[in-house]
Protein backbone atom coordinates (compact mmCIF):
# COMPACT_ATOMS: atom_id res chain seq x y z
CA UNK A 1 105.13 88.58 94.02
CA UNK A 2 102.74 88.16 96.96
CA UNK A 3 100.44 90.86 95.56
CA UNK A 4 100.37 89.07 92.21
CA UNK A 5 99.49 85.74 93.86
CA UNK A 6 96.78 87.36 95.97
CA UNK A 7 95.43 89.03 92.86
CA UNK A 8 95.27 85.67 91.11
CA UNK A 9 93.40 84.18 94.09
CA UNK A 10 90.92 87.07 93.97
CA UNK A 11 90.58 86.51 90.24
CA UNK A 12 89.82 82.83 90.79
CA UNK A 13 87.05 83.68 93.24
CA UNK A 14 85.64 86.36 90.94
CA UNK A 15 85.94 84.06 87.94
CA UNK A 16 84.08 81.35 89.81
CA UNK A 17 81.27 83.81 90.43
CA UNK A 18 81.40 84.98 86.82
CA UNK A 19 81.34 81.46 85.38
CA UNK A 20 78.58 80.27 87.71
CA UNK A 21 76.34 83.18 86.75
CA UNK A 22 77.16 82.74 83.04
CA UNK A 23 76.42 79.02 82.99
CA UNK A 24 73.22 79.38 85.02
CA UNK A 25 72.08 82.20 82.73
CA UNK A 26 72.65 80.09 79.59
CA UNK A 27 71.70 76.62 80.77
CA UNK A 28 68.83 77.37 83.15
CA UNK A 29 67.53 80.76 82.01
CA UNK A 30 68.12 80.28 78.28
CA UNK A 31 70.00 83.54 77.74
CA UNK A 32 72.25 84.03 74.71
CA UNK A 33 75.87 83.21 75.65
CA UNK A 34 77.12 86.76 74.95
CA UNK A 35 74.43 88.30 77.17
CA UNK A 36 75.19 85.72 79.84
CA UNK A 37 78.91 86.56 79.51
CA UNK A 38 78.11 90.23 80.16
CA UNK A 39 75.99 89.34 83.20
CA UNK A 40 78.71 87.06 84.54
CA UNK A 41 81.37 89.69 83.95
CA UNK A 42 79.33 92.24 85.92
CA UNK A 43 78.99 89.96 88.95
CA UNK A 44 82.63 88.89 88.71
CA UNK A 45 83.72 92.52 88.49
CA UNK A 46 81.85 93.53 91.62
CA UNK A 47 83.29 90.55 93.47
CA UNK A 48 86.83 91.25 92.27
CA UNK A 49 86.70 94.96 93.12
CA UNK A 50 85.62 94.21 96.67
CA UNK A 51 88.31 91.59 97.27
CA UNK A 52 91.06 93.59 95.54
CA UNK A 53 90.32 96.78 97.44
CA UNK A 54 90.34 95.13 100.85
CA UNK A 55 92.69 92.15 100.65
CA UNK A 56 94.93 92.30 97.58
CA UNK A 57 95.97 95.95 97.40
CA UNK A 58 94.95 97.06 100.94
CA UNK A 59 93.50 100.25 99.50
CA UNK A 60 90.51 100.87 101.76
CA UNK A 61 92.11 104.07 103.04
CA UNK A 62 91.78 105.62 99.59
CA UNK A 63 88.70 107.40 98.28
CA UNK A 64 86.10 104.76 97.33
CA UNK A 65 84.27 106.73 94.61
CA UNK A 66 87.57 107.51 92.85
CA UNK A 67 88.66 103.87 92.98
CA UNK A 68 85.24 102.66 91.86
CA UNK A 69 85.28 105.08 88.92
CA UNK A 70 88.76 103.96 87.85
CA UNK A 71 87.79 100.31 88.28
CA UNK A 72 84.65 100.89 86.22
CA UNK A 73 86.71 102.39 83.38
CA UNK A 74 89.15 99.45 83.39
CA UNK A 75 86.31 96.97 83.87
CA UNK A 76 84.51 98.31 80.78
CA UNK A 77 87.60 97.53 78.73
CA UNK A 78 87.65 94.06 80.27
CA UNK A 79 83.95 93.58 79.52
CA UNK A 80 84.43 94.53 75.87
CA UNK A 81 87.49 92.28 75.53
CA UNK A 82 85.74 89.34 77.23
CA UNK A 83 82.43 89.60 75.39
CA UNK A 84 83.98 90.12 71.97
CA UNK A 85 86.58 87.42 72.59
CA UNK A 86 83.97 84.86 73.68
CA UNK A 87 81.85 85.75 70.66
CA UNK A 88 84.79 85.45 68.25
CA UNK A 89 86.03 82.12 69.60
CA UNK A 90 82.53 80.64 69.83
CA UNK A 91 81.04 82.02 66.61
CA UNK A 92 84.02 81.89 64.27
CA UNK A 93 86.01 78.96 65.67
CA UNK A 94 83.01 76.90 66.74
CA UNK A 95 84.26 76.38 70.29
CA UNK A 96 81.87 75.75 73.16
CA UNK A 97 81.14 79.05 74.93
CA UNK A 98 82.55 77.72 78.21
CA UNK A 99 85.93 76.87 76.64
CA UNK A 100 85.94 80.23 74.88
CA UNK A 101 85.20 81.99 78.15
CA UNK A 102 87.99 80.18 80.00
CA UNK A 103 90.57 80.98 77.34
CA UNK A 104 89.54 84.61 76.90
CA UNK A 105 89.25 85.20 80.67
CA UNK A 106 92.80 83.98 81.24
CA UNK A 107 94.15 86.02 78.37
CA UNK A 108 92.41 89.23 79.46
CA UNK A 109 93.20 88.62 83.14
CA UNK A 110 96.95 88.30 82.68
CA UNK A 111 97.46 90.79 79.87
CA UNK A 112 95.05 93.56 80.85
CA UNK A 113 93.24 93.37 84.21
CA UNK A 114 96.11 92.86 86.64
CA UNK A 115 98.32 95.49 85.05
CA UNK A 116 95.57 98.12 84.91
CA UNK A 117 94.43 97.48 88.47
CA UNK A 118 97.92 97.60 89.95
CA UNK A 119 99.13 100.63 88.02
CA UNK A 120 95.94 102.66 87.77
CA UNK A 121 93.00 101.62 89.95
CA UNK A 122 94.56 100.73 93.30
CA UNK A 123 97.81 102.71 92.92
């Protein structure tokens, strides 16, 4: 249970980074919300990998390139799920991209990211 809670804390930090980058990219730089979502997901992914490896799963003793490769594979799935989910909820349901991003991020985080990281990446 402690690992799950720590993982959620790491996800909050990474999500904060992700959302900040996404909103700045859309509102200040004028990027399309899907492109901004991808950029935010990249920065959030790097943040989350670093925190998860050191603090959540205590896996710094394992081979970094192997972990990074596994994380990258899982992260690509997350990126596709997040970007397509944000697009679908924003484009087809007419939701604001920020609300879409929050909903999709939570859905992907609980149903995909945590399970893949625990059982595959940092195992």
